[in-house]
Amino acid sequence: MTLHLLARPHHPATPASGMVWKMLFDRQHALLHRRACPAFAAGVAALGLRREEVPQVGRLSQLVYQRTGWTLRPVGGPLSEPAYYAALAQRELPLVTRLRTFAEFDRPAHGVDLFSEVMGRLPLLLEPGYAQALEALGQAWALATTPAATALLRRFTRATFELGLLAPAGEKPQLYGFTLLTSARHLHAAAAAPAESLQPLAGATRQLRLLGAPAAGLLPEVGAQPYFVAHDWAQLLAEVRHLGAELTQAQRPAPAPHALPLVAAAVAGRASSFAQRTNELRQAS
């Protein structure tokens, strides 16, 4: 039996949870009208997500596995970064199954819940190009073996898969980042961002290396970062692979710092020996 059939997660099947889901669903769909990339709406329809029903993770797991080969990994709360990226590298998507309450309507505990996970991650996972880029992101974690490399990977994830925009040639940028699709606060910030904050995704890794990285598990301040715009999923995948190349380069040992001084010392030693031998010959003559 495959892993996607093993877990039996649940969420509170109560009238209150149904009302929370319905209100969140209605609000986000109103906010995302003409702002989300077309693949998002197509994915929502393909998954059968509706305002009237809190989705059953088991049904979604079957559907996603059949459509993509990815396994949903139900969890009670966010995983550690190593566990999360390792899961992506194996084509497993961790999915928090707890639905927020009314008391945390705008800010769920730990920043994620069933609504944000399902609406923010699953619709685009049905896009083969997006899924391939997400898998490559998970594989990049194995290359992040230093604090600086880990910080760069974290910053890249935030700037793309969480806060990224998509704009085919000549079209207006639309949202695809997980956080933009599920957070009204971040969506409004992106919509109000000045034109100069929208930057092409090509070369983003180089630019992000110069920026400070947020702490693990924390989002950057709203509006405090550039928004990188990809032409398509192929460009997103290409930039993820460029990130991998940068991380690989960072692991290579630097040239031995004493190589040149040692050569100079050897030359100086030979010159000294030659001078000493010359003096000896003169004295002998």
Protein backbone atom coordinates (compact mmCIF):
# COMPACT_ATOMS: atom_id res chain seq x y z
CA MET A 1 0.00 0.00 0.00
CA THR A 2 1.40 3.39 -0.95
CA LEU A 3 2.03 6.10 1.60
CA HIS A 4 -0.77 8.35 0.40
CA LEU A 5 -3.29 5.79 1.62
CA LEU A 6 -1.78 5.17 5.04
CA ALA A 7 -2.44 8.38 6.95
CA ARG A 8 -5.93 9.04 8.25
CA PRO A 9 -5.87 12.72 9.25
CA HIS A 10 -8.97 14.50 10.41
CA HIS A 11 -10.20 17.99 11.01
CA PRO A 12 -12.99 19.17 13.31
CA ALA A 13 -16.20 18.33 11.46
CA THR A 14 -18.28 20.95 13.27
CA PRO A 15 -20.61 23.72 12.10
CA ALA A 16 -18.01 26.24 13.27
CA SER A 17 -15.26 24.74 11.13
CA GLY A 18 -17.58 24.69 8.13
CA MET A 19 -18.35 28.39 8.63
CA VAL A 20 -14.65 29.26 8.98
CA TRP A 21 -13.87 27.44 5.73
CA LYS A 22 -16.75 29.10 3.89
CA MET A 23 -15.79 32.61 5.01
CA LEU A 24 -12.13 32.10 4.13
CA PHE A 25 -13.02 30.59 0.77
CA ASP A 26 -15.35 33.47 -0.15
CA ARG A 27 -12.91 36.16 0.94
CA GLN A 28 -9.92 34.76 -0.91
CA HIS A 29 -11.85 34.15 -4.10
CA ALA A 30 -13.06 37.73 -4.06
CA LEU A 31 -9.55 39.01 -3.45
CA LEU A 32 -7.93 36.74 -6.03
CA HIS A 33 -10.33 37.59 -8.85
CA ARG A 34 -8.13 38.44 -11.85
CA ARG A 35 -5.07 38.52 -9.58
CA ALA A 36 -4.17 34.83 -9.33
CA CYS A 37 -2.54 33.06 -12.27
CA PRO A 38 -5.03 31.08 -14.42
CA ALA A 39 -3.52 27.77 -13.30
CA PHE A 40 -4.79 28.47 -9.78
CA ALA A 41 -8.47 28.60 -10.73
CA ALA A 42 -8.02 25.56 -12.96
CA GLY A 43 -6.46 23.65 -10.07
CA VAL A 44 -9.22 24.62 -7.63
CA ALA A 45 -11.80 23.31 -10.09
CA ALA A 46 -9.86 20.10 -10.78
CA LEU A 47 -9.55 19.39 -7.04
CA GLY A 48 -13.27 19.97 -6.52
CA LEU A 49 -12.71 22.55 -3.80
CA ARG A 50 -15.98 24.24 -2.79
CA ARG A 51 -17.10 26.83 -0.28
CA GLU A 52 -19.83 24.53 1.07
CA GLU A 53 -17.54 21.73 2.23
CA VAL A 54 -14.35 21.44 4.25
CA PRO A 55 -12.24 19.15 2.00
CA GLN A 56 -11.42 15.61 3.05
CA VAL A 57 -7.65 15.12 2.97
CA GLY A 58 -8.00 11.43 2.06
CA ARG A 59 -9.95 12.27 -1.11
CA LEU A 60 -7.51 15.02 -2.06
CA SER A 61 -4.60 12.66 -1.47
CA GLN A 62 -6.02 10.08 -3.88
CA LEU A 63 -6.72 12.69 -6.54
CA VAL A 64 -3.33 14.41 -6.27
CA TYR A 65 -1.47 11.10 -6.41
CA GLN A 66 -3.39 10.00 -9.50
CA ARG A 67 -2.84 13.31 -11.28
CA THR A 68 0.77 14.02 -10.30
CA GLY A 69 2.42 11.05 -8.60
CA TRP A 70 2.98 13.24 -5.53
CA THR A 71 2.06 11.98 -2.06
CA LEU A 72 0.33 14.18 0.47
CA ARG A 73 1.90 13.85 3.92
CA PRO A 74 -0.64 14.91 6.57
CA VAL A 75 0.97 16.50 9.66
CA GLY A 76 -0.34 18.13 12.79
CA GLY A 77 1.89 21.20 12.45
CA PRO A 78 4.71 22.65 10.36
CA LEU A 79 7.75 20.40 9.95
CA SER A 80 11.33 21.45 10.55
CA GLU A 81 13.09 22.87 7.50
CA PRO A 82 15.27 19.75 6.92
CA ALA A 83 12.21 17.46 7.10
CA TYR A 84 10.15 19.74 4.85
CA TYR A 85 12.72 20.04 2.07
CA ALA A 86 13.57 16.34 2.29
CA ALA A 87 9.89 15.54 1.75
CA LEU A 88 9.73 17.76 -1.34
CA ALA A 89 12.80 16.04 -2.77
CA GLN A 90 10.88 12.74 -2.54
CA ARG A 91 7.75 14.22 -4.16
CA GLU A 92 5.92 14.35 -0.85
CA LEU A 93 3.99 17.46 0.16
CA PRO A 94 3.55 17.98 3.92
CA LEU A 95 0.00 19.17 4.62
CA VAL A 96 -1.11 20.66 7.96
CA THR A 97 -4.57 19.23 8.64
CA ARG A 98 -5.71 21.51 11.46
CA LEU A 99 -8.24 24.19 10.47
CA ARG A 100 -8.00 27.55 12.22
CA THR A 101 -10.71 28.82 14.58
CA PHE A 102 -12.58 32.13 14.51
CA ALA A 103 -10.21 33.47 17.17
CA GLU A 104 -7.28 33.12 14.74
CA PHE A 105 -9.19 33.91 11.57
CA ASP A 106 -6.58 36.24 10.06
CA ARG A 107 -3.50 34.72 11.68
CA PRO A 108 -3.63 30.98 12.22
CA ALA A 109 -1.31 29.39 14.75
CA HIS A 110 2.14 28.68 13.27
CA GLY A 111 1.14 30.69 10.18
CA VAL A 112 -0.47 27.78 8.34
CA ASP A 113 -3.54 25.59 8.62
CA LEU A 114 -5.68 23.33 6.43
CA PHE A 115 -7.10 26.23 4.42
CA SER A 116 -3.77 27.87 3.63
CA GLU A 117 -2.15 24.52 2.81
CA VAL A 118 -4.94 23.28 0.53
CA MET A 119 -5.68 26.56 -1.25
CA GLY A 120 -2.11 27.79 -1.40
CA ARG A 121 -0.22 24.66 -2.44
CA LEU A 122 -2.44 22.00 -4.01
CA PRO A 123 -4.00 23.79 -7.02
CA LEU A 124 -0.60 24.61 -8.57
CA LEU A 125 0.84 21.19 -7.74
CA LEU A 126 -1.32 19.91 -10.61
CA GLU A 127 0.88 21.96 -12.97
CA PRO A 128 3.74 19.65 -14.06
CA GLY A 129 6.23 22.52 -14.43
CA TYR A 130 5.48 23.92 -10.99
CA ALA A 131 5.69 20.47 -9.40
CA GLN A 132 9.05 19.84 -11.05
CA ALA A 133 10.41 23.15 -9.75
CA LEU A 134 9.15 22.35 -6.25
CA GLU A 135 10.88 18.98 -6.32
CA ALA A 136 14.13 20.64 -7.44
CA LEU A 137 13.80 23.09 -4.55
CA GLY A 138 13.65 20.19 -2.13
CA GLN A 139 16.73 18.63 -3.69
CA ALA A 140 18.63 21.90 -3.26
CA TRP A 141 18.48 21.54 0.53
CA ALA A 142 21.12 18.78 0.44
CA LEU A 143 23.51 21.35 -1.06
CA ALA A 144 22.93 23.95 1.66
CA THR A 145 25.69 22.78 3.99
CA THR A 146 26.70 26.15 5.48
CA PRO A 147 24.72 28.81 7.38
CA ALA A 148 25.14 31.24 4.48
CA ALA A 149 23.88 28.67 1.97
CA THR A 150 20.90 27.81 4.16
CA ALA A 151 20.03 31.48 4.47
CA LEU A 152 20.16 31.90 0.70
CA LEU A 153 17.91 28.88 0.13
CA ARG A 154 15.44 30.17 2.71
CA ARG A 155 15.38 33.61 1.11
CA PHE A 156 14.91 32.11 -2.34
CA THR A 157 11.95 30.02 -1.17
CA ARG A 158 10.26 33.08 0.35
CA ALA A 159 10.83 35.20 -2.75
CA THR A 160 9.52 32.61 -5.21
CA PHE A 161 7.26 29.85 -3.92
CA GLU A 162 5.77 32.08 -1.21
CA LEU A 163 5.78 35.58 -2.70
CA GLY A 164 6.31 34.97 -6.42
CA LEU A 165 4.50 36.48 -9.41
CA LEU A 166 3.95 35.04 -12.88
CA ALA A 167 3.67 37.08 -16.09
CA PRO A 168 3.91 35.60 -19.58
CA ALA A 169 5.38 38.05 -22.11
CA GLY A 170 3.28 41.20 -22.39
CA GLU A 171 0.83 40.26 -19.65
CA LYS A 172 0.16 41.77 -16.24
CA PRO A 173 1.89 39.96 -13.32
CA GLN A 174 -0.38 37.59 -11.44
CA LEU A 175 0.02 35.77 -8.13
CA TYR A 176 1.30 32.23 -7.69
CA GLY A 177 3.17 32.41 -4.35
CA PHE A 178 1.63 30.39 -1.53
CA THR A 179 1.48 33.33 0.89
CA LEU A 180 -0.01 35.72 -1.68
CA LEU A 181 -2.76 33.21 -2.52
CA THR A 182 -3.85 32.75 1.11
CA SER A 183 -2.98 35.91 3.07
CA ALA A 184 -5.09 39.02 2.53
CA ARG A 185 -2.43 41.18 4.19
CA HIS A 186 0.37 40.06 1.85
CA LEU A 187 -1.91 40.08 -1.19
CA HIS A 188 -2.80 43.74 -0.61
CA ALA A 189 0.87 44.61 -0.13
CA ALA A 190 1.80 42.97 -3.43
CA ALA A 191 -1.07 44.66 -5.25
CA ALA A 192 0.06 48.06 -3.94
CA ALA A 193 3.75 47.48 -4.60
CA PRO A 194 5.41 50.17 -6.75
CA ALA A 195 6.48 49.20 -10.24
CA GLU A 196 10.18 49.38 -9.36
CA SER A 197 9.74 46.60 -6.78
CA LEU A 198 8.73 44.16 -9.55
CA GLN A 199 11.88 42.55 -10.86
CA PRO A 200 12.55 39.75 -13.36
CA LEU A 201 13.21 36.34 -11.86
CA ALA A 202 16.30 35.78 -14.03
CA GLY A 203 19.30 36.53 -11.84
CA ALA A 204 17.25 36.57 -8.62
CA THR A 205 19.64 34.19 -6.86
CA ARG A 206 22.53 36.60 -7.30
CA GLN A 207 20.49 39.48 -5.93
CA LEU A 208 19.12 37.52 -3.00
CA ARG A 209 22.65 36.67 -1.92
CA LEU A 210 23.08 40.35 -1.06
CA LEU A 211 19.90 40.59 1.01
CA GLY A 212 19.49 39.62 4.64
CA ALA A 213 17.71 36.33 5.23
CA PRO A 214 14.68 36.05 7.54
CA ALA A 215 14.76 33.77 10.55
CA ALA A 216 13.61 30.19 10.05
CA GLY A 217 9.84 29.87 9.85
CA LEU A 218 9.20 33.63 9.71
CA LEU A 219 7.85 35.68 6.85
CA PRO A 220 9.59 38.90 5.84
CA GLU A 221 7.95 42.18 6.73
CA VAL A 222 5.11 43.07 4.39
CA GLY A 223 6.40 45.16 1.51
CA ALA A 224 10.02 44.85 2.66
CA GLN A 225 11.19 42.77 -0.29
CA PRO A 226 11.22 42.89 -4.09
CA TYR A 227 8.69 40.79 -5.97
CA PHE A 228 10.28 38.54 -8.56
CA VAL A 229 8.29 37.89 -11.73
CA ALA A 230 8.73 34.65 -13.71
CA HIS A 231 7.72 34.30 -17.36
CA ASP A 232 6.59 30.70 -16.88
CA TRP A 233 7.24 27.53 -14.89
CA ALA A 234 10.23 26.68 -17.06
CA GLN A 235 11.97 29.88 -15.96
CA LEU A 236 11.14 29.12 -12.33
CA LEU A 237 12.72 25.68 -12.70
CA ALA A 238 15.78 27.19 -14.41
CA GLU A 239 16.29 29.62 -11.52
CA VAL A 240 15.93 26.83 -8.95
CA ARG A 241 18.62 24.92 -10.82
CA HIS A 242 20.80 28.02 -10.85
CA LEU A 243 20.33 28.17 -7.08
CA GLY A 244 21.56 24.58 -6.89
CA ALA A 245 24.63 25.48 -8.91
CA GLU A 246 25.37 28.41 -6.59
CA LEU A 247 25.07 26.17 -3.53
CA THR A 248 27.33 23.56 -5.12
CA GLN A 249 29.94 26.22 -5.90
CA ALA A 250 29.84 27.37 -2.31
CA GLN A 251 30.84 23.88 -1.12
CA ARG A 252 34.06 23.71 -3.16
CA PRO A 253 37.23 24.23 -1.12
CA ALA A 254 39.05 27.49 -1.72
CA PRO A 255 42.62 27.37 -3.08
CA ALA A 256 45.26 26.79 -0.40
CA PRO A 257 46.10 30.26 0.96
CA HIS A 258 49.78 29.41 1.46
CA ALA A 259 50.48 28.07 -2.03
CA LEU A 260 52.05 31.25 -3.40
CA PRO A 261 54.06 32.15 -0.27
CA LEU A 262 55.50 28.63 -0.25
CA VAL A 263 56.58 28.99 -3.86
CA ALA A 264 58.18 32.36 -3.07
CA ALA A 265 59.95 30.85 -0.07
CA ALA A 266 61.31 28.02 -2.22
CA VAL A 267 62.62 30.48 -4.79
CA ALA A 268 64.22 32.61 -2.06
CA GLY A 269 65.83 29.48 -0.59
CA ARG A 270 67.32 28.48 -3.91
CA ALA A 271 68.70 32.00 -4.44
CA SER A 272 70.31 31.95 -0.99
CA SER A 273 71.92 28.58 -1.66
CA PHE A 274 73.25 29.81 -5.00
CA ALA A 275 74.79 32.89 -3.36
CA GLN A 276 76.37 30.80 -0.63
CA ARG A 277 77.85 28.37 -3.18
CA THR A 278 79.24 31.28 -5.23
CA ASN A 279 81.05 32.67 -2.17
CA GLU A 280 82.52 29.27 -1.43
CA LEU A 281 83.88 28.95 -4.96
CA ARG A 282 85.44 32.43 -4.80
CA GLN A 283 87.15 31.59 -1.50
CA ALA A 284 88.49 28.32 -2.91
CA SER A 285 90.02 30.12 -5.90
